[in-house]
C-alpha cells in the first residue's frame, strides 16, 4: 500500500467514525426545554369527583359513584387487566421478563393514565371517570370485555374490548347511542410513565420516543435525545410509544382527525425512562355511527412481527438508511432468522453469520488484497517518479498514470472493495443493538448479548464516553485490530505518521463501542480473526512473483502498442489534462 492508498483508507475510517457519531443511537442529555405538564400529568395521583364536579356530568353523574371493579383476561402472550372505568389497568407480556427477571408490564395501575374528554350539555367530562357495568363473554376464540353505562334502553355509552386467543393485538370500539354529546370531536388522552425494563438506563432513554404514521403514508417521530412536543393537524393512522425493545401503540380504523404528542425526561428520576403523552381527536360522528373502531398493540419491537401489523409499523425498529437498510432487510435478517431455526446458541449464530458474510465478500477481499499487492510492488518506481519530478506535481501524476497504465494497475483497486463493504459493516451497527432476538441471550461471560458485557466494574467513570465498566469483547476486538494493523505495517514501507495512524481508529472505537451491544463487539472480533485467516490463505495461494510477472507482461504489451488502456485510467488522464489546461489559462 502506498501513501495515497493509506490516506484513502484513513479517510474511509474517518467517514465511519463520522457516520457512527451522526447516526448512532443518541444518549439523553439534560435540557432546559421541558414539556408543559398540567395537573392531569401526575404520577400516582387519583381523580376525585366532588359534588360540584359531578354536576358537570348531569344525569351521567349517576355512574360516578360505586366501587371500581376489575377483570383479567389472558391469551397466549398477554395478561390484561381491565377497569370498570372503561380502561386498561394492566398489560403483562407473558413471554418476557425485565432485566431483573420481574414480570414485564407495559401498563400497570398509575403508570398509565387514560382519559376520554367529551362535551356533554355544555360541560367537558371524562367518559373514563364513569363506573360502567362490566361484563365478560366468550365468542369463539375471542374474549370480549363489555362496559356499558345505560340511562335507558335507547340511551347508553358502550366500550368493547375484544381479545383474540393469540397475538399482541387488542381490539377496541366506542359507541354512543342517544347520549347528546356535543362538539365535533372526542379527545382521547394516554399518558405513559415508562418504567425501566433493561440493564442500561441511559441506553434505554436514548431509544425511547413516540413515533406516528400519518394517513398520507408518512412515518415520523419525536426526538429520542431530548424532550419535544408536537401538534399534528393531519389525520393519523397510528401512534406508538417506542421503547428499545417494546411497543405500546394505538391504531384507528377510520383515522384520528388530529393529535398532539409530547415526550419528556427527568434525568434525576431513575424510576421512569421517559414520560410519553398522547392526545388524539376522534370524530364524534364515528362514535355515534359505530365507526369508532381501534386496536392496541402491546408487544415486542420485533421486525418479523411488526411488519405484519400495519403499514409502516416495522419502521419502529430502526435498522439504518439506504443502502444499509437493504442489507439488513434482504440479507442479514433473513440469514439470521434462518440460523435461529437451527441453533439456539446466539454466540454460535453470530459466529456463523460472520463466516457467511466473509465467504460472500471473499471476491471483494481478494480483489482488495490483489490491488494492494500490486501497489506495493510498484511503490519503488512510484517513489522514483516523485524524486525525479520534485515539486512538479502535475508531471508526477502524469508519470504515475502512465506507469499504472503500462502495468495494468488500477490505483484505487485496493480501496474500492473496502468502500463497497461499508454498508455491511454499518448494517451490523444497527442490527445487533436493536435486535430483540439477542435480548437476555447469554454467551460466555456476557449475560445479555443485546447490551454491553462487563468483566470489571470501576468505582469511577472514565471520560470520553468510556463509562465505568470494562467490556472484554470490546478489548478483544481492539487488540485484534491493533495486531492486524501491526501485521499490515510489516508488509508496507510506510514511514512517519502514516505508519502509526492506523493504530488511532481502534483506540477511538475502544472508547466508543464500550457501551454498545456485546453481540456487536463479538461480531467485529470474530470478523477480525477471520480476516487474519483470509489473508493468510490468500497469501499462501497468491505469489507476488506471479503478480509481478503479469505486470511485466502488461508492460511489454503496452510498449509494443498491444496494451489496452482501461476506461478508468483514460478518465483519470482526461481529468488531469483538463485540470492542467485550466491551470495554464489561470496563469495567463
Protein backbone atom coordinates (compact mmCIF):
# COMPACT_ATOMS: atom_id res chain seq x y z
CA UNK A 1 0.00 0.00 0.00
CA UNK A 2 1.45 3.38 -0.98
CA UNK A 3 0.89 6.66 0.82
CA UNK A 4 -2.12 7.59 -1.36
CA UNK A 5 -3.84 4.30 -0.58
CA UNK A 6 -3.10 4.72 3.11
CA UNK A 7 -4.63 8.19 3.02
CA UNK A 8 -7.67 6.75 1.26
CA UNK A 9 -8.13 4.09 3.92
CA UNK A 10 -7.70 6.68 6.64
CA UNK A 11 -10.44 8.79 5.06
CA UNK A 12 -12.71 5.73 4.97
CA UNK A 13 -12.06 5.16 8.67
CA UNK A 14 -12.83 8.81 9.41
CA UNK A 15 -16.06 8.52 7.40
CA UNK A 16 -17.01 5.52 9.53
CA UNK A 17 -16.33 7.49 12.69
CA UNK A 18 -18.40 10.44 11.49
CA UNK A 19 -21.20 8.08 10.45
CA UNK A 20 -21.23 6.39 13.87
CA UNK A 21 -21.27 9.79 15.55
CA UNK A 22 -24.11 11.22 13.47
CA UNK A 23 -26.34 8.15 13.17
CA UNK A 24 -25.68 6.23 16.36
CA UNK A 25 -28.43 5.92 18.96
CA UNK A 26 -28.33 9.16 20.90
CA UNK A 27 -27.92 9.43 24.62
CA UNK A 28 -30.20 11.69 26.58
CA UNK A 29 -28.73 14.90 27.93
CA UNK A 30 -30.46 17.27 30.30
CA UNK A 31 -32.08 20.25 28.60
CA UNK A 32 -33.70 23.37 29.86
CA UNK A 33 -36.57 22.81 27.46
CA UNK A 34 -39.34 20.73 29.04
CA UNK A 35 -42.81 19.77 28.04
CA UNK A 36 -45.50 21.69 29.90
CA UNK A 37 -47.41 19.35 32.18
CA UNK A 38 -50.59 20.28 33.95
CA UNK A 39 -52.26 18.63 36.91
CA UNK A 40 -53.53 15.77 34.75
CA UNK A 41 -49.98 14.51 34.20
CA UNK A 42 -49.19 13.46 37.73
CA UNK A 43 -47.90 10.04 38.66
CA UNK A 44 -49.67 8.12 41.41
CA UNK A 45 -52.47 10.67 41.64
CA UNK A 46 -56.15 9.81 41.70
CA UNK A 47 -59.01 11.87 40.39
CA UNK A 48 -61.67 12.67 43.00
CA UNK A 49 -65.03 13.79 41.70
CA UNK A 50 -66.62 16.15 44.23
CA UNK A 51 -70.25 17.21 44.20
CA UNK A 52 -69.55 20.39 42.21
CA UNK A 53 -67.67 18.46 39.53
CA UNK A 54 -70.37 15.80 39.50
CA UNK A 55 -72.91 18.41 38.41
CA UNK A 56 -70.99 18.79 35.14
CA UNK A 57 -71.88 15.18 34.34
CA UNK A 58 -75.63 15.96 34.76
CA UNK A 59 -77.59 12.69 34.53
CA UNK A 60 -74.39 10.76 33.68
CA UNK A 61 -73.33 11.62 37.23
CA UNK A 62 -75.38 8.58 38.24
CA UNK A 63 -72.43 6.48 37.06
CA UNK A 64 -69.75 8.28 39.12
CA UNK A 65 -70.31 6.58 42.50
CA UNK A 66 -69.62 2.93 43.19
CA UNK A 67 -66.62 0.74 43.76
CA UNK A 68 -64.27 0.32 40.83
CA UNK A 69 -64.23 -3.28 39.62
CA UNK A 70 -61.55 -5.18 37.72
CA UNK A 71 -61.43 -8.20 35.48
CA UNK A 72 -58.46 -10.08 34.00
CA UNK A 73 -58.20 -11.72 30.59
CA UNK A 74 -55.34 -13.78 29.17
CA UNK A 75 -54.35 -15.11 25.79
CA UNK A 76 -51.20 -16.94 24.70
CA UNK A 77 -48.89 -13.90 25.10
CA UNK A 78 -50.79 -11.24 27.10
CA UNK A 79 -52.23 -10.96 30.57
CA UNK A 80 -54.61 -7.97 30.69
CA UNK A 81 -56.46 -6.21 33.48
CA UNK A 82 -59.48 -4.01 32.76
CA UNK A 83 -61.21 -1.46 34.98
CA UNK A 84 -64.93 -0.78 35.18
CA UNK A 85 -63.99 2.82 34.29
CA UNK A 86 -63.50 1.59 30.74
CA UNK A 87 -59.71 1.49 30.63
CA UNK A 88 -56.77 -0.91 30.62
CA UNK A 89 -55.13 -1.08 34.03
CA UNK A 90 -52.51 -3.72 33.38
CA UNK A 91 -50.62 -5.25 30.44
CA UNK A 92 -48.23 -8.10 31.16
CA UNK A 93 -46.13 -9.64 28.35
CA UNK A 94 -46.10 -13.26 29.48
CA UNK A 95 -43.11 -14.39 27.41
CA UNK A 96 -40.74 -11.64 28.55
CA UNK A 97 -39.09 -10.54 31.79
CA UNK A 98 -37.33 -7.35 32.82
CA UNK A 99 -33.55 -7.32 33.24
CA UNK A 100 -34.14 -8.12 36.94
CA UNK A 101 -36.33 -11.09 35.94
CA UNK A 102 -39.56 -9.45 37.08
CA UNK A 103 -42.82 -9.57 35.08
CA UNK A 104 -42.62 -7.20 32.11
CA UNK A 105 -45.52 -4.76 32.46
CA UNK A 106 -46.19 -2.24 29.69
CA UNK A 107 -49.10 -0.87 31.70
CA UNK A 108 -49.57 -1.05 35.45
CA UNK A 109 -52.05 0.88 37.58
CA UNK A 110 -51.00 4.55 37.74
CA UNK A 111 -48.09 4.16 35.30
CA UNK A 112 -50.61 4.57 32.50
CA UNK A 113 -53.43 7.14 32.57
CA UNK A 114 -56.24 7.31 30.05
CA UNK A 115 -58.93 9.94 29.59
CA UNK A 116 -61.71 10.39 27.04
CA UNK A 117 -62.87 14.00 27.11
CA UNK A 118 -66.23 14.88 25.60
CA UNK A 119 -68.64 17.81 25.72
CA UNK A 120 -71.91 16.94 27.43
CA UNK A 121 -74.65 19.52 27.91
CA UNK A 122 -72.15 22.36 27.71
CA UNK A 123 -69.56 20.86 30.06
CA UNK A 124 -66.36 18.91 29.47
CA UNK A 125 -66.49 15.48 31.08
CA UNK A 126 -64.19 12.47 31.15
CA UNK A 127 -66.03 9.37 29.95
CA UNK A 128 -63.33 7.22 31.58
CA UNK A 129 -64.42 8.51 35.00
CA UNK A 130 -67.80 6.80 34.74
CA UNK A 131 -68.27 3.50 36.52
CA UNK A 132 -69.58 1.15 33.83
CA UNK A 133 -71.35 -2.16 34.23
CA UNK A 134 -68.69 -4.72 33.37
CA UNK A 135 -69.36 -7.99 31.57
CA UNK A 136 -67.05 -10.64 30.09
CA UNK A 137 -68.14 -13.16 27.49
CA UNK A 138 -66.63 -15.62 25.02
CA UNK A 139 -67.31 -15.51 21.29
CA UNK A 140 -65.48 -18.30 19.51
CA UNK A 141 -61.76 -17.85 20.14
CA UNK A 142 -62.24 -14.21 21.20
CA UNK A 143 -62.89 -12.90 24.70
CA UNK A 144 -64.92 -9.69 24.92
CA UNK A 145 -64.93 -7.24 27.80
CA UNK A 146 -68.08 -5.09 27.54
CA UNK A 147 -68.56 -1.94 29.63
CA UNK A 148 -71.90 -0.14 29.44
CA UNK A 149 -73.45 2.92 31.11
CA UNK A 150 -77.17 2.79 30.35
CA UNK A 151 -79.57 5.65 31.04
CA UNK A 152 -82.33 3.79 29.20
CA UNK A 153 -82.75 1.07 26.61
CA UNK A 154 -82.15 3.64 23.88
CA UNK A 155 -79.64 5.87 25.66
CA UNK A 156 -76.25 4.41 26.59
CA UNK A 157 -72.46 4.51 26.26
CA UNK A 158 -70.59 1.32 25.48
CA UNK A 159 -66.94 0.27 25.27
CA UNK A 160 -65.99 -3.15 23.92
CA UNK A 161 -62.54 -4.74 24.16
CA UNK A 162 -62.02 -7.87 22.02
CA UNK A 163 -59.04 -10.06 22.87
CA UNK A 164 -58.15 -12.84 20.38
CA UNK A 165 -56.76 -16.08 21.77
CA UNK A 166 -53.40 -15.38 20.12
CA UNK A 167 -51.24 -12.36 19.44
CA UNK A 168 -50.40 -8.93 20.80
CA UNK A 169 -53.44 -7.12 19.40
CA UNK A 170 -56.43 -5.88 21.41
CA UNK A 171 -59.43 -4.52 19.52
CA UNK A 172 -61.45 -1.68 20.97
CA UNK A 173 -64.64 0.15 19.99
CA UNK A 174 -66.62 3.06 21.46
CA UNK A 175 -70.33 3.55 20.86
CA UNK A 176 -72.72 6.29 21.92
CA UNK A 177 -76.44 5.93 21.39
CA UNK A 178 -78.97 8.52 22.48
CA UNK A 179 -76.36 10.43 24.53
CA UNK A 180 -76.25 14.08 23.35
CA UNK A 181 -72.51 14.57 23.18
CA UNK A 182 -71.56 17.98 21.75
CA UNK A 183 -68.79 19.33 19.55
CA UNK A 184 -67.10 17.66 16.62
CA UNK A 185 -64.53 15.53 18.41
CA UNK A 186 -63.89 13.44 21.48
CA UNK A 187 -60.33 13.75 22.78
CA UNK A 188 -58.53 10.53 23.70
CA UNK A 189 -55.54 11.04 26.02
CA UNK A 190 -52.88 8.50 27.02
CA UNK A 191 -50.04 9.28 29.41
CA UNK A 192 -47.38 6.61 29.94
CA UNK A 193 -44.80 6.93 32.72
CA UNK A 194 -42.46 4.42 31.08
CA UNK A 195 -40.83 2.10 33.57
CA UNK A 196 -37.28 0.74 33.06
CA UNK A 197 -37.10 -2.75 31.55
CA UNK A 198 -33.43 -3.09 30.57
CA UNK A 199 -29.94 -3.04 32.10
CA UNK A 200 -28.75 0.33 30.82
CA UNK A 201 -31.00 3.28 31.74
CA UNK A 202 -29.04 5.73 29.58
CA UNK A 203 -29.26 3.47 26.53
CA UNK A 204 -32.99 2.88 27.14
CA UNK A 205 -33.66 6.61 27.31
CA UNK A 206 -31.72 7.14 24.10
CA UNK A 207 -34.02 4.69 22.29
CA UNK A 208 -37.39 5.73 23.71
CA UNK A 209 -39.72 8.10 21.90
CA UNK A 210 -43.13 8.45 20.24
CA UNK A 211 -43.49 7.52 16.57
CA UNK A 212 -46.52 8.02 14.36
CA UNK A 213 -47.86 7.32 10.89
CA UNK A 214 -49.99 9.84 9.02
CA UNK A 215 -52.93 8.90 6.80
CA UNK A 216 -50.87 10.40 3.96
CA UNK A 217 -48.49 7.43 4.33
CA UNK A 218 -45.75 9.35 6.10
CA UNK A 219 -43.74 7.98 9.05
CA UNK A 220 -42.13 10.27 11.62
CA UNK A 221 -41.34 10.52 15.31
CA UNK A 222 -40.29 12.79 18.15
CA UNK A 223 -36.70 13.21 19.27
CA UNK A 224 -35.01 10.32 21.07
CA UNK A 225 -32.35 12.55 22.59
CA UNK A 226 -34.35 15.37 24.15
CA UNK A 227 -37.79 16.49 25.29
CA UNK A 228 -40.10 17.52 22.48
CA UNK A 229 -43.77 18.26 21.84
CA UNK A 230 -45.55 18.39 18.51
CA UNK A 231 -49.05 19.25 17.29
CA UNK A 232 -50.37 17.43 14.23
CA UNK A 233 -53.26 18.79 12.18
CA UNK A 234 -53.21 15.96 9.62
CA UNK A 235 -55.16 12.70 10.11
CA UNK A 236 -53.18 9.88 11.72
CA UNK A 237 -53.28 6.13 11.24
CA UNK A 238 -51.40 5.11 14.37
CA UNK A 239 -49.22 6.33 17.23
CA UNK A 240 -46.64 4.19 19.05
CA UNK A 241 -44.76 4.63 22.30
CA UNK A 242 -41.45 3.08 21.32
CA UNK A 243 -39.01 1.66 23.84
CA UNK A 244 -35.76 -0.07 22.99
CA UNK A 245 -37.36 -3.49 22.57
CA UNK A 246 -41.11 -2.99 23.16
CA UNK A 247 -44.02 -1.03 21.73
CA UNK A 248 -47.32 0.27 23.04
CA UNK A 249 -49.45 1.56 20.18
CA UNK A 250 -52.97 2.55 19.20
CA UNK A 251 -54.43 2.30 15.68
CA UNK A 252 -57.56 3.86 14.17
CA UNK A 253 -59.55 2.06 11.52
CA UNK A 254 -61.01 5.34 10.22
CA UNK A 255 -58.07 7.66 11.15
CA UNK A 256 -57.66 10.05 14.05
CA UNK A 257 -58.60 13.56 12.96
CA UNK A 258 -55.56 15.21 14.56
CA UNK A 259 -53.31 14.90 17.58
CA UNK A 260 -50.62 16.27 19.84
CA UNK A 261 -47.64 14.32 21.14
CA UNK A 262 -45.03 15.01 23.82
CA UNK A 263 -42.02 13.16 25.19
CA UNK A 264 -40.13 14.36 28.27
CA UNK A 265 -37.39 13.11 30.55
CA UNK A 266 -36.34 13.84 34.11
CA UNK A 267 -32.64 12.87 34.33
CA UNK A 268 -32.86 12.75 38.14
CA UNK A 269 -35.70 10.22 38.26
CA UNK A 270 -34.30 6.72 37.60
CA UNK A 271 -37.70 5.08 38.20
CA UNK A 272 -39.01 6.41 34.88
CA UNK A 273 -37.30 6.24 31.49
CA UNK A 274 -39.43 8.98 29.97
CA UNK A 275 -42.97 10.32 30.11
CA UNK A 276 -44.98 9.96 26.91
CA UNK A 277 -48.17 11.99 26.44
CA UNK A 278 -50.54 11.35 23.54
CA UNK A 279 -53.73 13.23 22.70
CA UNK A 280 -55.82 12.19 19.69
CA UNK A 281 -59.06 13.57 18.28
CA UNK A 282 -61.80 11.08 17.45
CA UNK A 283 -64.61 12.36 15.18
CA UNK A 284 -67.83 12.43 17.17
CA UNK A 285 -69.91 11.11 14.29
CA UNK A 286 -67.73 7.97 14.25
CA UNK A 287 -68.78 7.26 17.84
CA UNK A 288 -72.46 7.80 17.14
CA UNK A 289 -72.42 5.68 13.95
CA UNK A 290 -70.49 2.68 15.33
CA UNK A 291 -67.37 3.54 13.30
CA UNK A 292 -65.11 4.35 16.25
CA UNK A 293 -63.05 1.18 15.92
CA UNK A 294 -59.49 0.98 17.17
CA UNK A 295 -56.86 -1.51 18.22
CA UNK A 296 -53.93 -1.61 20.61
CA UNK A 297 -50.61 -3.34 20.13
CA UNK A 298 -48.63 -4.26 23.24
CA UNK A 299 -45.64 -6.37 22.30
CA UNK A 300 -42.05 -6.72 21.15
CA UNK A 301 -40.43 -4.37 18.65
CA UNK A 302 -39.63 -7.38 16.50
CA UNK A 303 -39.37 -6.79 12.76
CA UNK A 304 -40.75 -10.26 11.99
CA UNK A 305 -43.95 -9.39 13.89
CA UNK A 306 -44.34 -5.65 13.32
CA UNK A 307 -44.07 -5.85 9.54
CA UNK A 308 -47.39 -7.75 9.59
CA UNK A 309 -49.18 -5.36 11.98
CA UNK A 310 -49.79 -2.24 9.89
CA UNK A 311 -48.29 -0.17 7.09
CA UNK A 312 -45.06 1.45 8.25
CA UNK A 313 -45.20 -0.14 11.70
CA UNK A 314 -41.97 -2.11 11.18
CA UNK A 315 -40.10 1.21 10.91
CA UNK A 316 -40.26 1.44 14.70
CA UNK A 317 -37.19 -0.82 14.58
CA UNK A 318 -34.59 1.46 13.06
CA UNK A 319 -32.12 -0.58 11.02
CA UNK A 320 -30.42 2.19 9.07
CA UNK A 321 -30.99 4.13 5.88
CA UNK A 322 -30.32 3.03 2.28
CA UNK A 323 -28.27 1.07 1.41
CA UNK A 324 -27.74 -0.15 5.00
CA UNK A 325 -31.45 -0.92 5.49
CA UNK A 326 -31.46 -3.01 2.30
CA UNK A 327 -28.54 -5.10 3.53
CA UNK A 328 -30.31 -5.71 6.85
CA UNK A 329 -33.77 -6.35 5.40
CA UNK A 330 -32.88 -8.57 2.44
CA UNK A 331 -29.64 -10.22 3.53
CA UNK A 332 -28.60 -10.22 7.17
CA UNK A 333 -32.00 -10.57 8.85
CA UNK A 334 -33.19 -13.49 6.66
CA UNK A 335 -29.90 -15.33 7.23
CA UNK A 336 -30.01 -14.55 10.98
CA UNK A 337 -33.64 -15.75 11.22
CA UNK A 338 -32.79 -18.94 9.33
CA UNK A 339 -29.89 -19.72 11.67
CA UNK A 340 -32.22 -19.24 14.65
CA UNK A 341 -34.35 -22.13 13.41
CA UNK A 342 -31.32 -24.43 13.54
CA UNK A 343 -29.28 -23.24 16.52
CA UNK A 344 -30.26 -22.00 19.98
CA UNK A 345 -26.84 -20.59 20.99
CA UNK A 346 -26.73 -17.00 19.76
CA UNK A 347 -22.97 -16.72 20.08
CA UNK A 348 -22.65 -19.58 17.59
CA UNK A 349 -25.27 -17.92 15.36
CA UNK A 350 -23.18 -14.72 15.28
CA UNK A 351 -20.04 -16.73 14.51
CA UNK A 352 -21.77 -18.50 11.60
CA UNK A 353 -23.15 -15.17 10.37
CA UNK A 354 -19.61 -13.76 10.28
CA UNK A 355 -18.41 -16.83 8.38
CA UNK A 356 -21.26 -16.49 5.87
CA UNK A 357 -20.53 -12.80 5.27
CA UNK A 358 -16.79 -13.43 4.90
CA UNK A 359 -17.44 -16.12 2.29
CA UNK A 360 -19.93 -13.87 0.49
CA UNK A 361 -17.47 -10.96 0.43
CA UNK A 362 -14.45 -13.13 -0.40
CA UNK A 363 -14.23 -11.90 -4.03
CA UNK A 364 -14.07 -8.29 -2.81
CA UNK A 365 -11.48 -9.20 -0.16
CA UNK A 366 -9.40 -10.98 -2.78
CA UNK A 367 -9.67 -8.02 -5.16
CA UNK A 368 -8.62 -5.64 -2.41
CA UNK A 369 -5.61 -7.79 -1.48
CA UNK A 370 -4.50 -8.06 -5.11
CA UNK A 371 -4.84 -4.29 -5.59
CA UNK A 372 -2.72 -3.57 -2.53
CA UNK A 373 -0.14 -6.19 -3.55
CA UNK A 374 0.22 -4.55 -6.98
CA UNK A 375 0.61 -1.11 -5.43
CA UNK A 376 3.22 -2.49 -3.05
CA UNK A 377 5.23 -3.87 -5.95
CA UNK A 378 5.02 -0.55 -7.80
CA UNK A 379 5.99 1.55 -4.80
CA UNK A 380 9.77 1.72 -5.57
CA UNK A 381 9.01 3.02 -9.06
CA UNK A 382 6.39 5.46 -7.74
CA UNK A 383 8.95 6.82 -5.26
CA UNK A 384 11.49 7.16 -8.06
CA UNK A 385 8.99 9.20 -10.12
CA UNK A 386 8.38 11.54 -7.17
CA UNK A 387 12.11 12.01 -6.64
CA UNK A 388 12.73 12.67 -10.36
CA UNK A 389 9.98 15.30 -10.73
CA UNK A 390 10.50 17.02 -7.41
CA UNK A 391 7.83 19.68 -6.86
CA UNK A 392 6.27 19.26 -10.30
CA UNK A 393 3.08 17.62 -9.06
CA UNK A 394 1.35 17.60 -12.45
CA UNK A 395 4.22 15.78 -14.15
CA UNK A 396 4.44 13.34 -11.23
CA UNK A 397 0.74 12.46 -11.57
CA UNK A 398 1.03 12.05 -15.33
CA UNK A 399 4.06 9.75 -15.00
CA UNK A 400 2.28 7.74 -12.32
CA UNK A 401 -0.79 7.33 -14.54
CA UNK A 402 1.46 6.16 -17.36
CA UNK A 403 3.06 3.62 -15.02
CA UNK A 404 -0.35 2.36 -13.86
CA UNK A 405 -1.48 2.03 -17.46
CA UNK A 406 1.63 0.14 -18.54
CA UNK A 407 1.45 -2.25 -15.56
CA UNK A 408 -2.32 -2.71 -15.90
CA UNK A 409 -2.98 -1.48 -12.36
CA UNK A 410 -5.95 0.49 -11.03
CA UNK A 411 -4.52 2.67 -8.23
CA UNK A 412 -7.84 2.52 -6.35
CA UNK A 413 -8.38 -1.23 -6.70
CA UNK A 414 -7.37 -1.76 -3.06
CA UNK A 415 -9.78 0.84 -1.65
CA UNK A 416 -12.89 0.41 -3.80
CA UNK A 417 -13.73 -3.11 -2.48
CA UNK A 418 -13.43 -1.77 1.08
CA UNK A 419 -15.88 1.04 0.29
CA UNK A 420 -18.34 -1.46 -1.21
CA UNK A 421 -18.18 -3.49 2.03
CA UNK A 422 -19.01 -0.48 4.21
CA UNK A 423 -22.83 -0.97 4.13
CA UNK A 424 -22.33 -4.47 5.56
CA UNK A 425 -20.10 -3.15 8.33
CA UNK A 426 -22.59 -0.41 9.17
CA UNK A 427 -25.61 -2.72 8.99
CA UNK A 428 -24.31 -4.70 11.97
CA UNK A 429 -24.03 -1.44 13.89
CA UNK A 430 -27.83 -1.07 13.66
CA UNK A 431 -28.98 -4.69 13.67
CA UNK A 432 -27.40 -6.12 16.82
CA UNK A 433 -28.08 -3.29 19.31
CA UNK A 434 -31.76 -3.18 18.21
CA UNK A 435 -32.47 -6.88 17.75
CA UNK A 436 -34.80 -8.27 20.43
CA UNK A 437 -33.60 -11.74 19.42
CA UNK A 438 -30.35 -11.06 21.33
CA UNK A 439 -32.17 -9.72 24.41
CA UNK A 440 -31.21 -11.70 27.53
CA UNK A 441 -29.30 -14.25 25.44
CA UNK A 442 -26.12 -15.20 27.32
CA UNK A 443 -22.84 -16.24 25.74
CA UNK A 444 -19.61 -17.00 27.56
CA UNK A 445 -19.19 -14.21 30.16
CA UNK A 446 -21.83 -11.95 28.55
CA UNK A 447 -25.16 -12.28 30.35
CA UNK A 448 -27.05 -10.41 27.63
CA UNK A 449 -25.79 -10.03 24.05
CA UNK A 450 -28.13 -7.09 23.41
CA UNK A 451 -26.22 -4.85 25.83
CA UNK A 452 -22.60 -4.39 26.95
CA UNK A 453 -20.67 -7.15 28.67
CA UNK A 454 -18.60 -6.33 31.73
CA UNK A 455 -15.74 -8.16 33.43
CA UNK A 456 -14.87 -5.30 35.80
CA UNK A 457 -17.00 -2.50 37.23
CA UNK A 458 -14.89 0.54 38.06
CA UNK A 459 -15.53 2.77 41.10
CA UNK A 460 -15.36 5.78 38.78
CA UNK A 461 -16.38 6.72 35.25
CA UNK A 462 -13.71 7.02 32.56
CA UNK A 463 -14.19 10.18 30.45
CA UNK A 464 -14.73 10.44 26.69
CA UNK A 465 -17.79 8.19 26.86
CA UNK A 466 -15.99 5.04 28.03
CA UNK A 467 -18.06 4.54 31.18
CA UNK A 468 -17.41 2.70 34.42
CA UNK A 469 -17.01 -0.85 33.12
CA UNK A 470 -14.61 -2.90 31.01
CA UNK A 471 -16.13 -4.79 28.10
CA UNK A 472 -13.98 -7.82 27.33
CA UNK A 473 -15.40 -8.32 23.86
CA UNK A 474 -14.50 -4.71 23.01
CA UNK A 475 -10.99 -5.22 24.44
CA UNK A 476 -10.55 -8.34 22.32
CA UNK A 477 -11.89 -6.54 19.25
CA UNK A 478 -9.46 -3.66 19.81
CA UNK A 479 -6.49 -5.97 20.45
CA UNK A 480 -7.20 -7.97 17.28
CA UNK A 481 -7.47 -4.77 15.24
CA UNK A 482 -4.17 -3.47 16.61
CA UNK A 483 -2.42 -6.77 15.83
CA UNK A 484 -3.93 -6.67 12.33
CA UNK A 485 -2.60 -3.15 11.81
CA UNK A 486 0.84 -4.13 13.08
CA UNK A 487 0.88 -7.10 10.72
CA UNK A 488 -0.04 -4.86 7.77
CA UNK A 489 2.67 -2.37 8.68
CA UNK A 490 5.28 -5.14 8.43
CA UNK A 491 4.27 -5.68 4.81
CA UNK A 492 4.31 -1.99 3.91
CA UNK A 493 7.04 0.58 3.55
CA UNK A 494 5.13 3.46 5.13
CA UNK A 495 7.14 5.82 7.27
CA UNK A 496 6.44 8.55 9.79
CA UNK A 497 2.86 9.44 10.82
CA UNK A 498 1.28 7.29 8.09
CA UNK A 499 2.69 4.17 9.75
CA UNK A 500 1.11 4.91 13.13
CA UNK A 501 -2.18 6.48 12.06
CA UNK A 502 -3.76 3.05 11.61
CA UNK A 503 -3.47 2.49 15.36
CA UNK A 504 -5.63 5.53 16.17
CA UNK A 505 -9.02 4.27 14.96
CA UNK A 506 -9.04 1.05 17.07
CA UNK A 507 -8.34 3.14 20.17
CA UNK A 508 -11.17 5.54 19.29
CA UNK A 509 -13.60 2.65 18.85
CA UNK A 510 -12.40 1.15 22.14
CA UNK A 511 -13.99 4.15 23.85
CA UNK A 512 -16.94 4.46 21.50
CA UNK A 513 -18.14 0.83 21.49
CA UNK A 514 -17.55 0.02 25.16
CA UNK A 515 -21.24 0.59 25.96
CA UNK A 516 -22.65 -0.99 22.81
CA UNK A 517 -24.16 -4.44 22.33
CA UNK A 518 -21.86 -7.33 23.27
CA UNK A 519 -23.17 -9.12 20.18
CA UNK A 520 -21.83 -6.29 18.01
CA UNK A 521 -18.32 -6.24 19.51
CA UNK A 522 -18.21 -10.06 19.43
CA UNK A 523 -19.13 -9.95 15.72
CA UNK A 524 -16.35 -7.46 14.97
CA UNK A 525 -13.84 -9.50 17.00
CA UNK A 526 -14.66 -12.74 15.16
CA UNK A 527 -14.62 -10.82 11.87
CA UNK A 528 -11.09 -9.59 12.59
CA UNK A 529 -9.92 -13.11 13.41
CA UNK A 530 -11.38 -14.50 10.20
CA UNK A 531 -9.73 -11.65 8.28
CA UNK A 532 -6.36 -12.91 9.59
CA UNK A 533 -7.21 -16.36 8.25
CA UNK A 534 -8.41 -14.97 4.90
CA UNK A 535 -5.23 -13.02 4.34
CA UNK A 536 -3.07 -15.98 5.30
CA UNK A 537 -4.91 -18.21 2.82
CA UNK A 538 -4.74 -15.64 0.02
CA UNK A 539 -1.06 -15.00 0.70
CA UNK A 540 -0.38 -18.75 0.61
CA UNK A 541 -2.02 -19.24 -2.78
CA UNK A 542 -1.12 -15.92 -4.41
CA UNK A 543 2.55 -15.41 -5.27
CA UNK A 544 3.79 -11.83 -5.60
CA UNK A 545 6.30 -13.12 -8.16
CA UNK A 546 3.38 -14.22 -10.35
CA UNK A 547 1.70 -10.84 -9.89
CA UNK A 548 4.94 -9.13 -10.88
CA UNK A 549 5.25 -11.38 -13.95
CA UNK A 550 1.73 -10.42 -15.05
CA UNK A 551 2.52 -6.74 -14.58
CA UNK A 552 5.75 -7.13 -16.60
CA UNK A 553 3.78 -8.83 -19.38
CA UNK A 554 1.36 -5.91 -19.38
CA UNK A 555 4.29 -3.52 -19.76
CA UNK A 556 5.55 -5.43 -22.79
CA UNK A 557 2.14 -5.26 -24.41
CA UNK A 558 1.90 -1.54 -23.69
CA UNK A 559 5.37 -0.94 -25.16
CA UNK A 560 4.51 -2.86 -28.33
CA UNK A 561 1.22 -0.98 -28.69
CA UNK A 562 -0.90 -4.04 -27.92
CA UNK A 563 -1.90 -2.88 -24.45
CA UNK A 564 -5.42 -1.61 -23.95
CA UNK A 565 -5.99 1.47 -21.81
CA UNK A 566 -8.69 0.94 -19.19
CA UNK A 567 -11.66 3.31 -19.18
CA UNK A 568 -10.85 4.26 -15.60
CA UNK A 569 -7.26 5.26 -16.41
CA UNK A 570 -8.46 7.11 -19.53
CA UNK A 571 -10.92 9.14 -17.47
CA UNK A 572 -8.22 9.95 -14.91
CA UNK A 573 -5.89 11.15 -17.65
CA UNK A 574 -8.64 13.27 -19.21
CA UNK A 575 -9.37 14.81 -15.82
CA UNK A 576 -5.70 15.66 -15.29
CA UNK A 577 -5.38 17.17 -18.76
CA UNK A 578 -8.46 19.29 -18.18
CA UNK A 579 -7.08 20.48 -14.83
CA UNK A 580 -3.68 21.27 -16.38
CA UNK A 581 -5.31 23.30 -19.16
CA UNK A 582 -7.40 25.18 -16.61
CA UNK A 583 -4.26 25.91 -14.60
CA UNK A 584 -2.47 27.30 -17.66
CA UNK A 585 -5.45 29.52 -18.52
CA UNK A 586 -5.50 30.83 -14.96
CA UNK A 587 -1.80 31.77 -15.20
CA UNK A 588 -2.46 33.74 -18.41
